[in-house]
Amino acid sequence: MTRVEIENAVKEFLIEELEIEENKIIPEGNLKEDLGIDSLDFVDIVVIVERKFGFKINPEEMVGITTLTQFCDYIESKVGDK
């Protein structure tokens, strides 16, 4: 899976599943402040990512991930391990 495919898949589920406005989804956007993602949304995101990308998210690895770019970097690192 390419980086563009990962970014498009993330953008798609943020819009469709979490109902985030498309114009708010920018690479440097902060997940909490800019996108309004709360702790319950993160639970949904974990389920969606595990289903869509086929890997288990390790909560310890998510510490420090605050932007959309960092989140996509994390997914890319895991998908690249396959």
N, C-alpha and C. Protein backbone atom coordinates (compact mmCIF):
# COMPACT_ATOMS: atom_id res chain seq x y z
N MET A 1 0.85 -1.17 0.00
CA MET A 1 0.00 0.00 0.00
C MET A 1 0.90 1.24 0.00
N THR A 2 0.59 2.16 -0.90
CA THR A 2 1.40 3.38 -1.01
C THR A 2 0.98 4.41 0.04
N ARG A 3 1.83 5.41 0.21
CA ARG A 3 1.53 6.49 1.16
C ARG A 3 0.24 7.22 0.76
N VAL A 4 0.07 7.45 -0.53
CA VAL A 4 -1.13 8.13 -1.01
C VAL A 4 -2.38 7.30 -0.71
N GLU A 5 -2.29 6.00 -0.90
CA GLU A 5 -3.43 5.12 -0.59
C GLU A 5 -3.75 5.15 0.90
N ILE A 6 -2.72 5.16 1.74
CA ILE A 6 -2.93 5.24 3.20
C ILE A 6 -3.61 6.55 3.55
N GLU A 7 -3.08 7.66 3.04
CA GLU A 7 -3.66 8.97 3.34
C GLU A 7 -5.11 9.06 2.87
N ASN A 8 -5.39 8.54 1.68
CA ASN A 8 -6.76 8.57 1.16
C ASN A 8 -7.70 7.71 2.02
N ALA A 9 -7.23 6.55 2.45
CA ALA A 9 -8.05 5.67 3.29
C ALA A 9 -8.34 6.33 4.64
N VAL A 10 -7.33 6.96 5.22
CA VAL A 10 -7.51 7.65 6.51
C VAL A 10 -8.50 8.81 6.34
N LYS A 11 -8.30 9.60 5.31
CA LYS A 11 -9.20 10.73 5.05
C LYS A 11 -10.64 10.24 4.87
N GLU A 12 -10.79 9.16 4.11
CA GLU A 12 -12.11 8.60 3.85
C GLU A 12 -12.82 8.17 5.14
N PHE A 13 -12.11 7.45 6.02
CA PHE A 13 -12.81 7.01 7.23
C PHE A 13 -13.02 8.15 8.23
N LEU A 14 -12.16 9.16 8.20
CA LEU A 14 -12.40 10.31 9.07
C LEU A 14 -13.68 11.04 8.65
N ILE A 15 -13.90 11.14 7.36
CA ILE A 15 -15.10 11.81 6.84
C ILE A 15 -16.33 10.95 7.04
N GLU A 16 -16.25 9.68 6.65
CA GLU A 16 -17.42 8.81 6.66
C GLU A 16 -17.78 8.28 8.05
N GLU A 17 -16.79 7.84 8.79
CA GLU A 17 -17.06 7.18 10.07
C GLU A 17 -17.17 8.18 11.23
N LEU A 18 -16.31 9.21 11.21
CA LEU A 18 -16.28 10.16 12.32
C LEU A 18 -16.95 11.50 11.98
N GLU A 19 -17.39 11.61 10.73
CA GLU A 19 -18.12 12.80 10.26
C GLU A 19 -17.33 14.09 10.47
N ILE A 20 -16.04 14.03 10.17
CA ILE A 20 -15.19 15.21 10.23
C ILE A 20 -15.28 15.91 8.88
N GLU A 21 -15.41 17.22 8.92
CA GLU A 21 -15.50 17.99 7.68
C GLU A 21 -14.20 17.88 6.89
N GLU A 22 -14.34 17.65 5.58
CA GLU A 22 -13.17 17.43 4.73
C GLU A 22 -12.17 18.58 4.78
N ASN A 23 -12.66 19.81 4.86
CA ASN A 23 -11.75 20.96 4.85
C ASN A 23 -10.92 21.07 6.13
N LYS A 24 -11.27 20.34 7.17
CA LYS A 24 -10.49 20.33 8.42
C LYS A 24 -9.34 19.32 8.37
N ILE A 25 -9.39 18.41 7.41
CA ILE A 25 -8.41 17.33 7.33
C ILE A 25 -7.20 17.80 6.53
N ILE A 26 -6.17 18.25 7.27
CA ILE A 26 -4.93 18.70 6.66
C ILE A 26 -3.78 17.95 7.32
N PRO A 27 -2.69 17.71 6.57
CA PRO A 27 -1.59 16.89 7.09
C PRO A 27 -1.06 17.33 8.45
N GLU A 28 -0.88 18.63 8.64
CA GLU A 28 -0.31 19.11 9.90
C GLU A 28 -1.38 19.33 10.97
N GLY A 29 -2.62 18.97 10.66
CA GLY A 29 -3.72 19.14 11.61
C GLY A 29 -3.55 18.30 12.86
N ASN A 30 -3.81 18.92 14.00
CA ASN A 30 -3.74 18.22 15.28
C ASN A 30 -5.00 17.38 15.43
N LEU A 31 -4.81 16.11 15.79
CA LEU A 31 -5.93 15.18 15.87
C LEU A 31 -6.99 15.63 16.87
N LYS A 32 -6.56 16.14 18.00
CA LYS A 32 -7.52 16.54 19.03
C LYS A 32 -8.04 17.96 18.80
N GLU A 33 -7.13 18.92 18.72
CA GLU A 33 -7.55 20.32 18.63
C GLU A 33 -8.20 20.67 17.30
N ASP A 34 -7.57 20.28 16.18
CA ASP A 34 -8.07 20.68 14.87
C ASP A 34 -9.20 19.79 14.36
N LEU A 35 -9.09 18.49 14.61
CA LEU A 35 -10.09 17.56 14.09
C LEU A 35 -11.18 17.23 15.11
N GLY A 36 -10.95 17.59 16.38
CA GLY A 36 -11.95 17.34 17.41
C GLY A 36 -12.11 15.88 17.78
N ILE A 37 -11.06 15.10 17.59
CA ILE A 37 -11.11 13.67 17.92
C ILE A 37 -10.93 13.51 19.43
N ASP A 38 -11.89 12.83 20.06
CA ASP A 38 -11.81 12.60 21.50
C ASP A 38 -11.47 11.14 21.78
N SER A 39 -11.42 10.78 23.06
CA SER A 39 -11.00 9.43 23.44
C SER A 39 -11.93 8.35 22.89
N LEU A 40 -13.22 8.62 22.81
CA LEU A 40 -14.15 7.64 22.24
C LEU A 40 -13.91 7.48 20.74
N ASP A 41 -13.59 8.59 20.06
CA ASP A 41 -13.27 8.52 18.64
C ASP A 41 -12.01 7.68 18.41
N PHE A 42 -11.03 7.81 19.32
CA PHE A 42 -9.81 7.02 19.17
C PHE A 42 -10.10 5.52 19.25
N VAL A 43 -11.06 5.13 20.07
CA VAL A 43 -11.45 3.72 20.14
C VAL A 43 -11.98 3.28 18.78
N ASP A 44 -12.84 4.11 18.19
CA ASP A 44 -13.37 3.79 16.86
C ASP A 44 -12.25 3.72 15.83
N ILE A 45 -11.32 4.66 15.92
CA ILE A 45 -10.20 4.68 14.97
C ILE A 45 -9.37 3.41 15.06
N VAL A 46 -9.13 2.95 16.28
CA VAL A 46 -8.36 1.70 16.46
C VAL A 46 -9.05 0.55 15.75
N VAL A 47 -10.34 0.42 15.94
CA VAL A 47 -11.11 -0.66 15.31
C VAL A 47 -11.06 -0.53 13.78
N ILE A 48 -11.26 0.68 13.29
CA ILE A 48 -11.26 0.90 11.84
C ILE A 48 -9.90 0.60 11.24
N VAL A 49 -8.83 1.10 11.86
CA VAL A 49 -7.48 0.89 11.34
C VAL A 49 -7.14 -0.60 11.36
N GLU A 50 -7.46 -1.29 12.44
CA GLU A 50 -7.16 -2.72 12.51
C GLU A 50 -7.90 -3.49 11.43
N ARG A 51 -9.14 -3.10 11.15
CA ARG A 51 -9.93 -3.77 10.11
C ARG A 51 -9.42 -3.41 8.71
N LYS A 52 -9.18 -2.12 8.47
CA LYS A 52 -8.80 -1.63 7.14
C LYS A 52 -7.37 -2.00 6.74
N PHE A 53 -6.46 -1.92 7.71
CA PHE A 53 -5.04 -2.09 7.38
C PHE A 53 -4.46 -3.43 7.85
N GLY A 54 -5.20 -4.17 8.67
CA GLY A 54 -4.81 -5.52 9.03
C GLY A 54 -3.68 -5.65 10.03
N PHE A 55 -3.58 -4.72 10.98
CA PHE A 55 -2.60 -4.87 12.05
C PHE A 55 -3.19 -4.35 13.35
N LYS A 56 -2.66 -4.84 14.45
CA LYS A 56 -3.12 -4.42 15.78
C LYS A 56 -2.34 -3.18 16.22
N ILE A 57 -3.06 -2.19 16.70
CA ILE A 57 -2.43 -0.98 17.20
C ILE A 57 -1.96 -1.22 18.63
N ASN A 58 -0.70 -0.89 18.88
CA ASN A 58 -0.13 -0.97 20.21
C ASN A 58 -0.27 0.42 20.83
N PRO A 59 -1.07 0.55 21.89
CA PRO A 59 -1.32 1.88 22.48
C PRO A 59 -0.04 2.63 22.86
N GLU A 60 0.99 1.90 23.31
CA GLU A 60 2.24 2.55 23.70
C GLU A 60 2.90 3.23 22.51
N GLU A 61 2.72 2.67 21.32
CA GLU A 61 3.32 3.25 20.12
C GLU A 61 2.59 4.51 19.66
N MET A 62 1.38 4.72 20.14
CA MET A 62 0.59 5.88 19.75
C MET A 62 0.91 7.12 20.58
N VAL A 63 1.65 6.93 21.68
CA VAL A 63 2.03 8.06 22.53
C VAL A 63 2.88 9.01 21.70
N GLY A 64 2.54 10.27 21.74
CA GLY A 64 3.31 11.26 21.00
C GLY A 64 2.81 11.54 19.60
N ILE A 65 1.86 10.74 19.13
CA ILE A 65 1.29 10.99 17.80
C ILE A 65 0.18 12.01 17.97
N THR A 66 0.43 13.20 17.43
CA THR A 66 -0.54 14.28 17.62
C THR A 66 -1.10 14.83 16.31
N THR A 67 -0.40 14.60 15.19
CA THR A 67 -0.87 15.15 13.92
C THR A 67 -1.29 14.05 12.96
N LEU A 68 -2.02 14.46 11.95
CA LEU A 68 -2.46 13.51 10.93
C LEU A 68 -1.27 12.90 10.20
N THR A 69 -0.25 13.70 9.94
CA THR A 69 0.95 13.20 9.27
C THR A 69 1.63 12.11 10.11
N GLN A 70 1.76 12.35 11.41
CA GLN A 70 2.37 11.36 12.30
C GLN A 70 1.54 10.08 12.33
N PHE A 71 0.23 10.23 12.32
CA PHE A 71 -0.66 9.07 12.33
C PHE A 71 -0.48 8.25 11.05
N CYS A 72 -0.41 8.93 9.92
CA CYS A 72 -0.19 8.23 8.65
C CYS A 72 1.20 7.60 8.60
N ASP A 73 2.21 8.27 9.18
CA ASP A 73 3.56 7.70 9.28
C ASP A 73 3.50 6.39 10.06
N TYR A 74 2.77 6.39 11.17
CA TYR A 74 2.64 5.19 12.01
C TYR A 74 2.01 4.06 11.21
N ILE A 75 0.92 4.34 10.52
CA ILE A 75 0.25 3.30 9.72
C ILE A 75 1.19 2.80 8.64
N GLU A 76 1.87 3.71 7.96
CA GLU A 76 2.81 3.32 6.90
C GLU A 76 3.90 2.42 7.44
N SER A 77 4.40 2.70 8.64
CA SER A 77 5.46 1.87 9.23
C SER A 77 4.96 0.47 9.52
N LYS A 78 3.69 0.35 9.90
CA LYS A 78 3.13 -0.97 10.21
C LYS A 78 2.76 -1.75 8.95
N VAL A 79 2.18 -1.07 7.99
CA VAL A 79 1.78 -1.73 6.75
C VAL A 79 3.03 -2.17 5.99
N GLY A 80 4.11 -1.39 6.11
CA GLY A 80 5.36 -1.72 5.45
C GLY A 80 6.05 -2.93 6.06
N ASP A 81 5.65 -3.31 7.29
CA ASP A 81 6.26 -4.47 7.97
C ASP A 81 5.76 -5.79 7.41
N LYS A 82 4.69 -5.74 6.63
CA LYS A 82 4.09 -7.00 6.14
C LYS A 82 4.90 -7.61 5.04
